[in-house]
Amino acid sequence: TGLGQYLNETYLTIVFIATNLYFLIRSSAIFYHERGWKLIFKSLVMILFIKLALEIYRSILFFITIWSI
């Protein structure tokens, strides 16, 4: 019972990616005046790099935790 049963890693990752994708699209449109497919493509590429960085960060935390035991 409670909110914890709905907040798993998959759901939180989807929320993280969606909010970052919105920020990338919105900021690129406002600050760099980009439009169209170029904007969408660049935003999706950046999301892939953010996801990769998140996985590397999680791996580093995992190995630091294991090695410190």
PDB file of N, CA and C in Angstrom:
ATOM      1  N   THR A   1       0.848  -1.191   0.000  1.00  0.00           N
ATOM      2  CA  THR A   1       0.000   0.000   0.000  1.00  0.00           C
ATOM      3  C   THR A   1       0.878   1.233   0.000  1.00  0.00           C
ATOM      4  N   GLY A   2       0.445   2.241  -0.657  1.00  0.00           N
ATOM      5  CA  GLY A   2       1.194   3.481  -0.701  1.00  0.00           C
ATOM      6  C   GLY A   2       1.762   3.756  -2.074  1.00  0.00           C
ATOM      7  N   LEU A   3       2.503   4.825  -2.137  1.00  0.00           N
ATOM      8  CA  LEU A   3       3.061   5.281  -3.404  1.00  0.00           C
ATOM      9  C   LEU A   3       4.259   4.446  -3.851  1.00  0.00           C
ATOM     10  N   GLY A   4       4.911   3.770  -2.922  1.00  0.00           N
ATOM     11  CA  GLY A   4       6.108   3.007  -3.237  1.00  0.00           C
ATOM     12  C   GLY A   4       5.901   1.878  -4.217  1.00  0.00           C
ATOM     13  N   GLN A   5       4.712   1.324  -4.256  1.00  0.00           N
ATOM     14  CA  GLN A   5       4.461   0.220  -5.183  1.00  0.00           C
ATOM     15  C   GLN A   5       4.379   0.682  -6.626  1.00  0.00           C
ATOM     16  N   TYR A   6       4.144   1.966  -6.848  1.00  0.00           N
ATOM     17  CA  TYR A   6       4.053   2.498  -8.207  1.00  0.00           C
ATOM     18  C   TYR A   6       5.363   3.108  -8.696  1.00  0.00           C
ATOM     19  N   LEU A   7       6.253   3.431  -7.783  1.00  0.00           N
ATOM     20  CA  LEU A   7       7.503   4.098  -8.157  1.00  0.00           C
ATOM     21  C   LEU A   7       8.629   3.080  -8.293  1.00  0.00           C
ATOM     22  N   ASN A   8       8.672   2.412  -9.409  1.00  0.00           N
ATOM     23  CA  ASN A   8       9.780   1.500  -9.657  1.00  0.00           C
ATOM     24  C   ASN A   8      10.791   2.181 -10.582  1.00  0.00           C
ATOM     25  N   GLU A   9      11.873   1.490 -10.867  1.00  0.00           N
ATOM     26  CA  GLU A   9      12.950   2.084 -11.665  1.00  0.00           C
ATOM     27  C   GLU A   9      12.510   2.404 -13.090  1.00  0.00           C
ATOM     28  N   THR A  10      11.693   1.563 -13.668  1.00  0.00           N
ATOM     29  CA  THR A  10      11.227   1.805 -15.039  1.00  0.00           C
ATOM     30  C   THR A  10      10.391   3.073 -15.118  1.00  0.00           C
ATOM     31  N   TYR A  11       9.451   3.227 -14.207  1.00  0.00           N
ATOM     32  CA  TYR A  11       8.595   4.411 -14.209  1.00  0.00           C
ATOM     33  C   TYR A  11       9.412   5.682 -13.993  1.00  0.00           C
ATOM     34  N   LEU A  12      10.323   5.649 -13.034  1.00  0.00           N
ATOM     35  CA  LEU A  12      11.131   6.841 -12.758  1.00  0.00           C
ATOM     36  C   LEU A  12      12.061   7.179 -13.920  1.00  0.00           C
ATOM     37  N   THR A  13      12.585   6.180 -14.616  1.00  0.00           N
ATOM     38  CA  THR A  13      13.420   6.427 -15.788  1.00  0.00           C
ATOM     39  C   THR A  13      12.606   7.062 -16.908  1.00  0.00           C
ATOM     40  N   ILE A  14      11.372   6.603 -17.099  1.00  0.00           N
ATOM     41  CA  ILE A  14      10.506   7.204 -18.120  1.00  0.00           C
ATOM     42  C   ILE A  14      10.216   8.661 -17.788  1.00  0.00           C
ATOM     43  N   VAL A  15       9.934   8.948 -16.526  1.00  0.00           N
ATOM     44  CA  VAL A  15       9.686  10.336 -16.111  1.00  0.00           C
ATOM     45  C   VAL A  15      10.942  11.179 -16.314  1.00  0.00           C
ATOM     46  N   PHE A  16      12.101  10.642 -15.952  1.00  0.00           N
ATOM     47  CA  PHE A  16      13.371  11.346 -16.118  1.00  0.00           C
ATOM     48  C   PHE A  16      13.631  11.670 -17.590  1.00  0.00           C
ATOM     49  N   ILE A  17      13.435  10.703 -18.462  1.00  0.00           N
ATOM     50  CA  ILE A  17      13.670  10.906 -19.894  1.00  0.00           C
ATOM     51  C   ILE A  17      12.662  11.890 -20.474  1.00  0.00           C
ATOM     52  N   ALA A  18      11.405  11.776 -20.076  1.00  0.00           N
ATOM     53  CA  ALA A  18      10.369  12.667 -20.612  1.00  0.00           C
ATOM     54  C   ALA A  18      10.611  14.120 -20.213  1.00  0.00           C
ATOM     55  N   THR A  19      10.968  14.354 -18.954  1.00  0.00           N
ATOM     56  CA  THR A  19      11.214  15.734 -18.520  1.00  0.00           C
ATOM     57  C   THR A  19      12.467  16.302 -19.173  1.00  0.00           C
ATOM     58  N   ASN A  20      13.493  15.488 -19.326  1.00  0.00           N
ATOM     59  CA  ASN A  20      14.700  15.971 -19.996  1.00  0.00           C
ATOM     60  C   ASN A  20      14.469  16.217 -21.480  1.00  0.00           C
ATOM     61  N   LEU A  21      13.687  15.368 -22.124  1.00  0.00           N
ATOM     62  CA  LEU A  21      13.365  15.571 -23.537  1.00  0.00           C
ATOM     63  C   LEU A  21      12.580  16.861 -23.724  1.00  0.00           C
ATOM     64  N   TYR A  22      11.618  17.119 -22.846  1.00  0.00           N
ATOM     65  CA  TYR A  22      10.862  18.369 -22.916  1.00  0.00           C
ATOM     66  C   TYR A  22      11.793  19.571 -22.760  1.00  0.00           C
ATOM     67  N   PHE A  23      12.695  19.505 -21.774  1.00  0.00           N
ATOM     68  CA  PHE A  23      13.626  20.612 -21.555  1.00  0.00           C
ATOM     69  C   PHE A  23      14.517  20.833 -22.772  1.00  0.00           C
ATOM     70  N   LEU A  24      15.047  19.765 -23.352  1.00  0.00           N
ATOM     71  CA  LEU A  24      15.925  19.904 -24.515  1.00  0.00           C
ATOM     72  C   LEU A  24      15.195  20.512 -25.708  1.00  0.00           C
ATOM     73  N   ILE A  25      14.000  20.040 -25.971  1.00  0.00           N
ATOM     74  CA  ILE A  25      13.240  20.571 -27.108  1.00  0.00           C
ATOM     75  C   ILE A  25      12.866  22.022 -26.868  1.00  0.00           C
ATOM     76  N   ARG A  26      12.368  22.313 -25.687  1.00  0.00           N
ATOM     77  CA  ARG A  26      11.918  23.681 -25.385  1.00  0.00           C
ATOM     78  C   ARG A  26      13.084  24.664 -25.375  1.00  0.00           C
ATOM     79  N   SER A  27      14.191  24.303 -24.741  1.00  0.00           N
ATOM     80  CA  SER A  27      15.325  25.225 -24.670  1.00  0.00           C
ATOM     81  C   SER A  27      15.982  25.419 -26.033  1.00  0.00           C
ATOM     82  N   SER A  28      16.053  24.367 -26.837  1.00  0.00           N
ATOM     83  CA  SER A  28      16.623  24.518 -28.179  1.00  0.00           C
ATOM     84  C   SER A  28      15.750  25.409 -29.048  1.00  0.00           C
ATOM     85  N   ALA A  29      14.455  25.290 -28.900  1.00  0.00           N
ATOM     86  CA  ALA A  29      13.546  26.125 -29.688  1.00  0.00           C
ATOM     87  C   ALA A  29      13.613  27.583 -29.255  1.00  0.00           C
ATOM     88  N   ILE A  30      13.743  27.828 -27.963  1.00  0.00           N
ATOM     89  CA  ILE A  30      13.744  29.208 -27.469  1.00  0.00           C
ATOM     90  C   ILE A  30      15.109  29.861 -27.646  1.00  0.00           C
ATOM     91  N   PHE A  31      16.171  29.212 -27.184  1.00  0.00           N
ATOM     92  CA  PHE A  31      17.485  29.849 -27.158  1.00  0.00           C
ATOM     93  C   PHE A  31      18.219  29.783 -28.491  1.00  0.00           C
ATOM     94  N   TYR A  32      18.058  28.693 -29.223  1.00  0.00           N
ATOM     95  CA  TYR A  32      18.797  28.520 -30.475  1.00  0.00           C
ATOM     96  C   TYR A  32      17.928  28.659 -31.712  1.00  0.00           C
ATOM     97  N   HIS A  33      16.640  28.889 -31.525  1.00  0.00           N
ATOM     98  CA  HIS A  33      15.685  29.099 -32.622  1.00  0.00           C
ATOM     99  C   HIS A  33      15.714  27.954 -33.633  1.00  0.00           C
ATOM    100  N   GLU A  34      15.833  26.741 -33.133  1.00  0.00           N
ATOM    101  CA  GLU A  34      15.813  25.576 -34.011  1.00  0.00           C
ATOM    102  C   GLU A  34      14.376  25.111 -34.194  1.00  0.00           C
ATOM    103  N   ARG A  35      14.101  24.533 -35.345  1.00  0.00           N
ATOM    104  CA  ARG A  35      12.760  24.058 -35.658  1.00  0.00           C
ATOM    105  C   ARG A  35      12.840  22.743 -36.432  1.00  0.00           C
ATOM    106  N   GLY A  36      11.758  22.013 -36.455  1.00  0.00           N
ATOM    107  CA  GLY A  36      11.608  20.859 -37.323  1.00  0.00           C
ATOM    108  C   GLY A  36      12.343  19.614 -36.885  1.00  0.00           C
ATOM    109  N   TRP A  37      12.663  18.806 -37.899  1.00  0.00           N
ATOM    110  CA  TRP A  37      13.271  17.499 -37.667  1.00  0.00           C
ATOM    111  C   TRP A  37      14.666  17.589 -37.069  1.00  0.00           C
ATOM    112  N   LYS A  38      15.388  18.645 -37.392  1.00  0.00           N
ATOM    113  CA  LYS A  38      16.731  18.816 -36.833  1.00  0.00           C
ATOM    114  C   LYS A  38      16.655  18.948 -35.311  1.00  0.00           C
ATOM    115  N   LEU A  39      15.684  19.689 -34.837  1.00  0.00           N
ATOM    116  CA  LEU A  39      15.487  19.863 -33.401  1.00  0.00           C
ATOM    117  C   LEU A  39      15.139  18.533 -32.735  1.00  0.00           C
ATOM    118  N   ILE A  40      14.225  17.786 -33.317  1.00  0.00           N
ATOM    119  CA  ILE A  40      13.815  16.501 -32.749  1.00  0.00           C
ATOM    120  C   ILE A  40      14.981  15.514 -32.760  1.00  0.00           C
ATOM    121  N   PHE A  41      15.713  15.456 -33.869  1.00  0.00           N
ATOM    122  CA  PHE A  41      16.843  14.531 -33.981  1.00  0.00           C
ATOM    123  C   PHE A  41      17.922  14.844 -32.947  1.00  0.00           C
ATOM    124  N   LYS A  42      18.293  16.118 -32.827  1.00  0.00           N
ATOM    125  CA  LYS A  42      19.330  16.495 -31.864  1.00  0.00           C
ATOM    126  C   LYS A  42      18.889  16.221 -30.431  1.00  0.00           C
ATOM    127  N   SER A  43      17.617  16.440 -30.143  1.00  0.00           N
ATOM    128  CA  SER A  43      17.110  16.183 -28.799  1.00  0.00           C
ATOM    129  C   SER A  43      17.130  14.692 -28.478  1.00  0.00           C
ATOM    130  N   LEU A  44      16.748  13.858 -29.431  1.00  0.00           N
ATOM    131  CA  LEU A  44      16.775  12.416 -29.199  1.00  0.00           C
ATOM    132  C   LEU A  44      18.198  11.888 -29.034  1.00  0.00           C
ATOM    133  N   VAL A  45      19.139  12.428 -29.798  1.00  0.00           N
ATOM    134  CA  VAL A  45      20.542  12.030 -29.639  1.00  0.00           C
ATOM    135  C   VAL A  45      21.050  12.422 -28.254  1.00  0.00           C
ATOM    136  N   MET A  46      20.685  13.612 -27.809  1.00  0.00           N
ATOM    137  CA  MET A  46      21.101  14.048 -26.474  1.00  0.00           C
ATOM    138  C   MET A  46      20.477  13.170 -25.389  1.00  0.00           C
ATOM    139  N   ILE A  47      19.233  12.753 -25.581  1.00  0.00           N
ATOM    140  CA  ILE A  47      18.593  11.857 -24.613  1.00  0.00           C
ATOM    141  C   ILE A  47      19.335  10.524 -24.549  1.00  0.00           C
ATOM    142  N   LEU A  48      19.778  10.017 -25.692  1.00  0.00           N
ATOM    143  CA  LEU A  48      20.552   8.774 -25.686  1.00  0.00           C
ATOM    144  C   LEU A  48      21.848   8.936 -24.900  1.00  0.00           C
ATOM    145  N   PHE A  49      22.516  10.076 -25.063  1.00  0.00           N
ATOM    146  CA  PHE A  49      23.748  10.319 -24.309  1.00  0.00           C
ATOM    147  C   PHE A  49      23.467  10.504 -22.818  1.00  0.00           C
ATOM    148  N   ILE A  50      22.345  11.135 -22.485  1.00  0.00           N
ATOM    149  CA  ILE A  50      21.981  11.282 -21.074  1.00  0.00           C
ATOM    150  C   ILE A  50      21.695   9.914 -20.462  1.00  0.00           C
ATOM    151  N   LYS A  51      20.989   9.061 -21.200  1.00  0.00           N
ATOM    152  CA  LYS A  51      20.705   7.702 -20.723  1.00  0.00           C
ATOM    153  C   LYS A  51      22.000   6.911 -20.547  1.00  0.00           C
ATOM    154  N   LEU A  52      22.928   7.048 -21.483  1.00  0.00           N
ATOM    155  CA  LEU A  52      24.221   6.383 -21.368  1.00  0.00           C
ATOM    156  C   LEU A  52      24.984   6.888 -20.143  1.00  0.00           C
ATOM    157  N   ALA A  53      24.981   8.193 -19.928  1.00  0.00           N
ATOM    158  CA  ALA A  53      25.657   8.765 -18.762  1.00  0.00           C
ATOM    159  C   ALA A  53      25.018   8.279 -17.463  1.00  0.00           C
ATOM    160  N   LEU A  54      23.707   8.140 -17.451  1.00  0.00           N
ATOM    161  CA  LEU A  54      23.017   7.633 -16.265  1.00  0.00           C
ATOM    162  C   LEU A  54      23.413   6.191 -15.975  1.00  0.00           C
ATOM    163  N   GLU A  55      23.516   5.373 -17.004  1.00  0.00           N
ATOM    164  CA  GLU A  55      23.921   3.978 -16.804  1.00  0.00           C
ATOM    165  C   GLU A  55      25.372   3.882 -16.323  1.00  0.00           C
ATOM    166  N   ILE A  56      26.246   4.705 -16.862  1.00  0.00           N
ATOM    167  CA  ILE A  56      27.642   4.719 -16.410  1.00  0.00           C
ATOM    168  C   ILE A  56      27.723   5.170 -14.956  1.00  0.00           C
ATOM    169  N   TYR A  57      26.944   6.186 -14.604  1.00  0.00           N
ATOM    170  CA  TYR A  57      26.899   6.679 -13.225  1.00  0.00           C
ATOM    171  C   TYR A  57      26.428   5.578 -12.277  1.00  0.00           C
ATOM    172  N   ARG A  58      25.394   4.853 -12.663  1.00  0.00           N
ATOM    173  CA  ARG A  58      24.901   3.758 -11.823  1.00  0.00           C
ATOM    174  C   ARG A  58      25.947   2.658 -11.681  1.00  0.00           C
ATOM    175  N   SER A  59      26.664   2.365 -12.758  1.00  0.00           N
ATOM    176  CA  SER A  59      27.712   1.344 -12.693  1.00  0.00           C
ATOM    177  C   SER A  59      28.839   1.769 -11.768  1.00  0.00           C
ATOM    178  N   ILE A  60      29.232   3.026 -11.861  1.00  0.00           N
ATOM    179  CA  ILE A  60      30.288   3.533 -10.982  1.00  0.00           C
ATOM    180  C   ILE A  60      29.861   3.435  -9.525  1.00  0.00           C
ATOM    181  N   LEU A  61      28.628   3.845  -9.229  1.00  0.00           N
ATOM    182  CA  LEU A  61      28.137   3.739  -7.852  1.00  0.00           C
ATOM    183  C   LEU A  61      28.100   2.288  -7.383  1.00  0.00           C
ATOM    184  N   PHE A  62      27.705   1.386  -8.265  1.00  0.00           N
ATOM    185  CA  PHE A  62      27.659  -0.027  -7.907  1.00  0.00           C
ATOM    186  C   PHE A  62      29.047  -0.544  -7.553  1.00  0.00           C
ATOM    187  N   PHE A  63      30.029  -0.278  -8.408  1.00  0.00           N
ATOM    188  CA  PHE A  63      31.370  -0.805  -8.159  1.00  0.00           C
ATOM    189  C   PHE A  63      32.033  -0.144  -6.959  1.00  0.00           C
ATOM    190  N   ILE A  64      31.788   1.131  -6.744  1.00  0.00           N
ATOM    191  CA  ILE A  64      32.336   1.785  -5.550  1.00  0.00           C
ATOM    192  C   ILE A  64      31.744   1.167  -4.291  1.00  0.00           C
ATOM    193  N   THR A  65      30.450   0.871  -4.338  1.00  0.00           N
ATOM    194  CA  THR A  65      29.810   0.241  -3.185  1.00  0.00           C
ATOM    195  C   THR A  65      30.364  -1.156  -2.946  1.00  0.00           C
ATOM    196  N   ILE A  66      30.526  -1.938  -3.995  1.00  0.00           N
ATOM    197  CA  ILE A  66      31.055  -3.302  -3.846  1.00  0.00           C
ATOM    198  C   ILE A  66      32.492  -3.276  -3.333  1.00  0.00           C
ATOM    199  N   TRP A  67      33.312  -2.390  -3.880  1.00  0.00           N
ATOM    200  CA  TRP A  67      34.725  -2.349  -3.491  1.00  0.00           C
ATOM    201  C   TRP A  67      34.933  -1.784  -2.086  1.00  0.00           C
ATOM    202  N   SER A  68      33.963  -1.032  -1.587  1.00  0.00           N
ATOM    203  CA  SER A  68      34.139  -0.451  -0.256  1.00  0.00           C
ATOM    204  C   SER A  68      33.690  -1.401   0.856  1.00  0.00           C
ATOM    205  N   ILE A  69      33.102  -2.537   0.474  1.00  0.00           N
ATOM    206  CA  ILE A  69      32.637  -3.493   1.495  1.00  0.00           C
ATOM    207  C   ILE A  69      33.789  -4.345   1.972  1.00  0.00           C
TER     208      ILE A  69
END
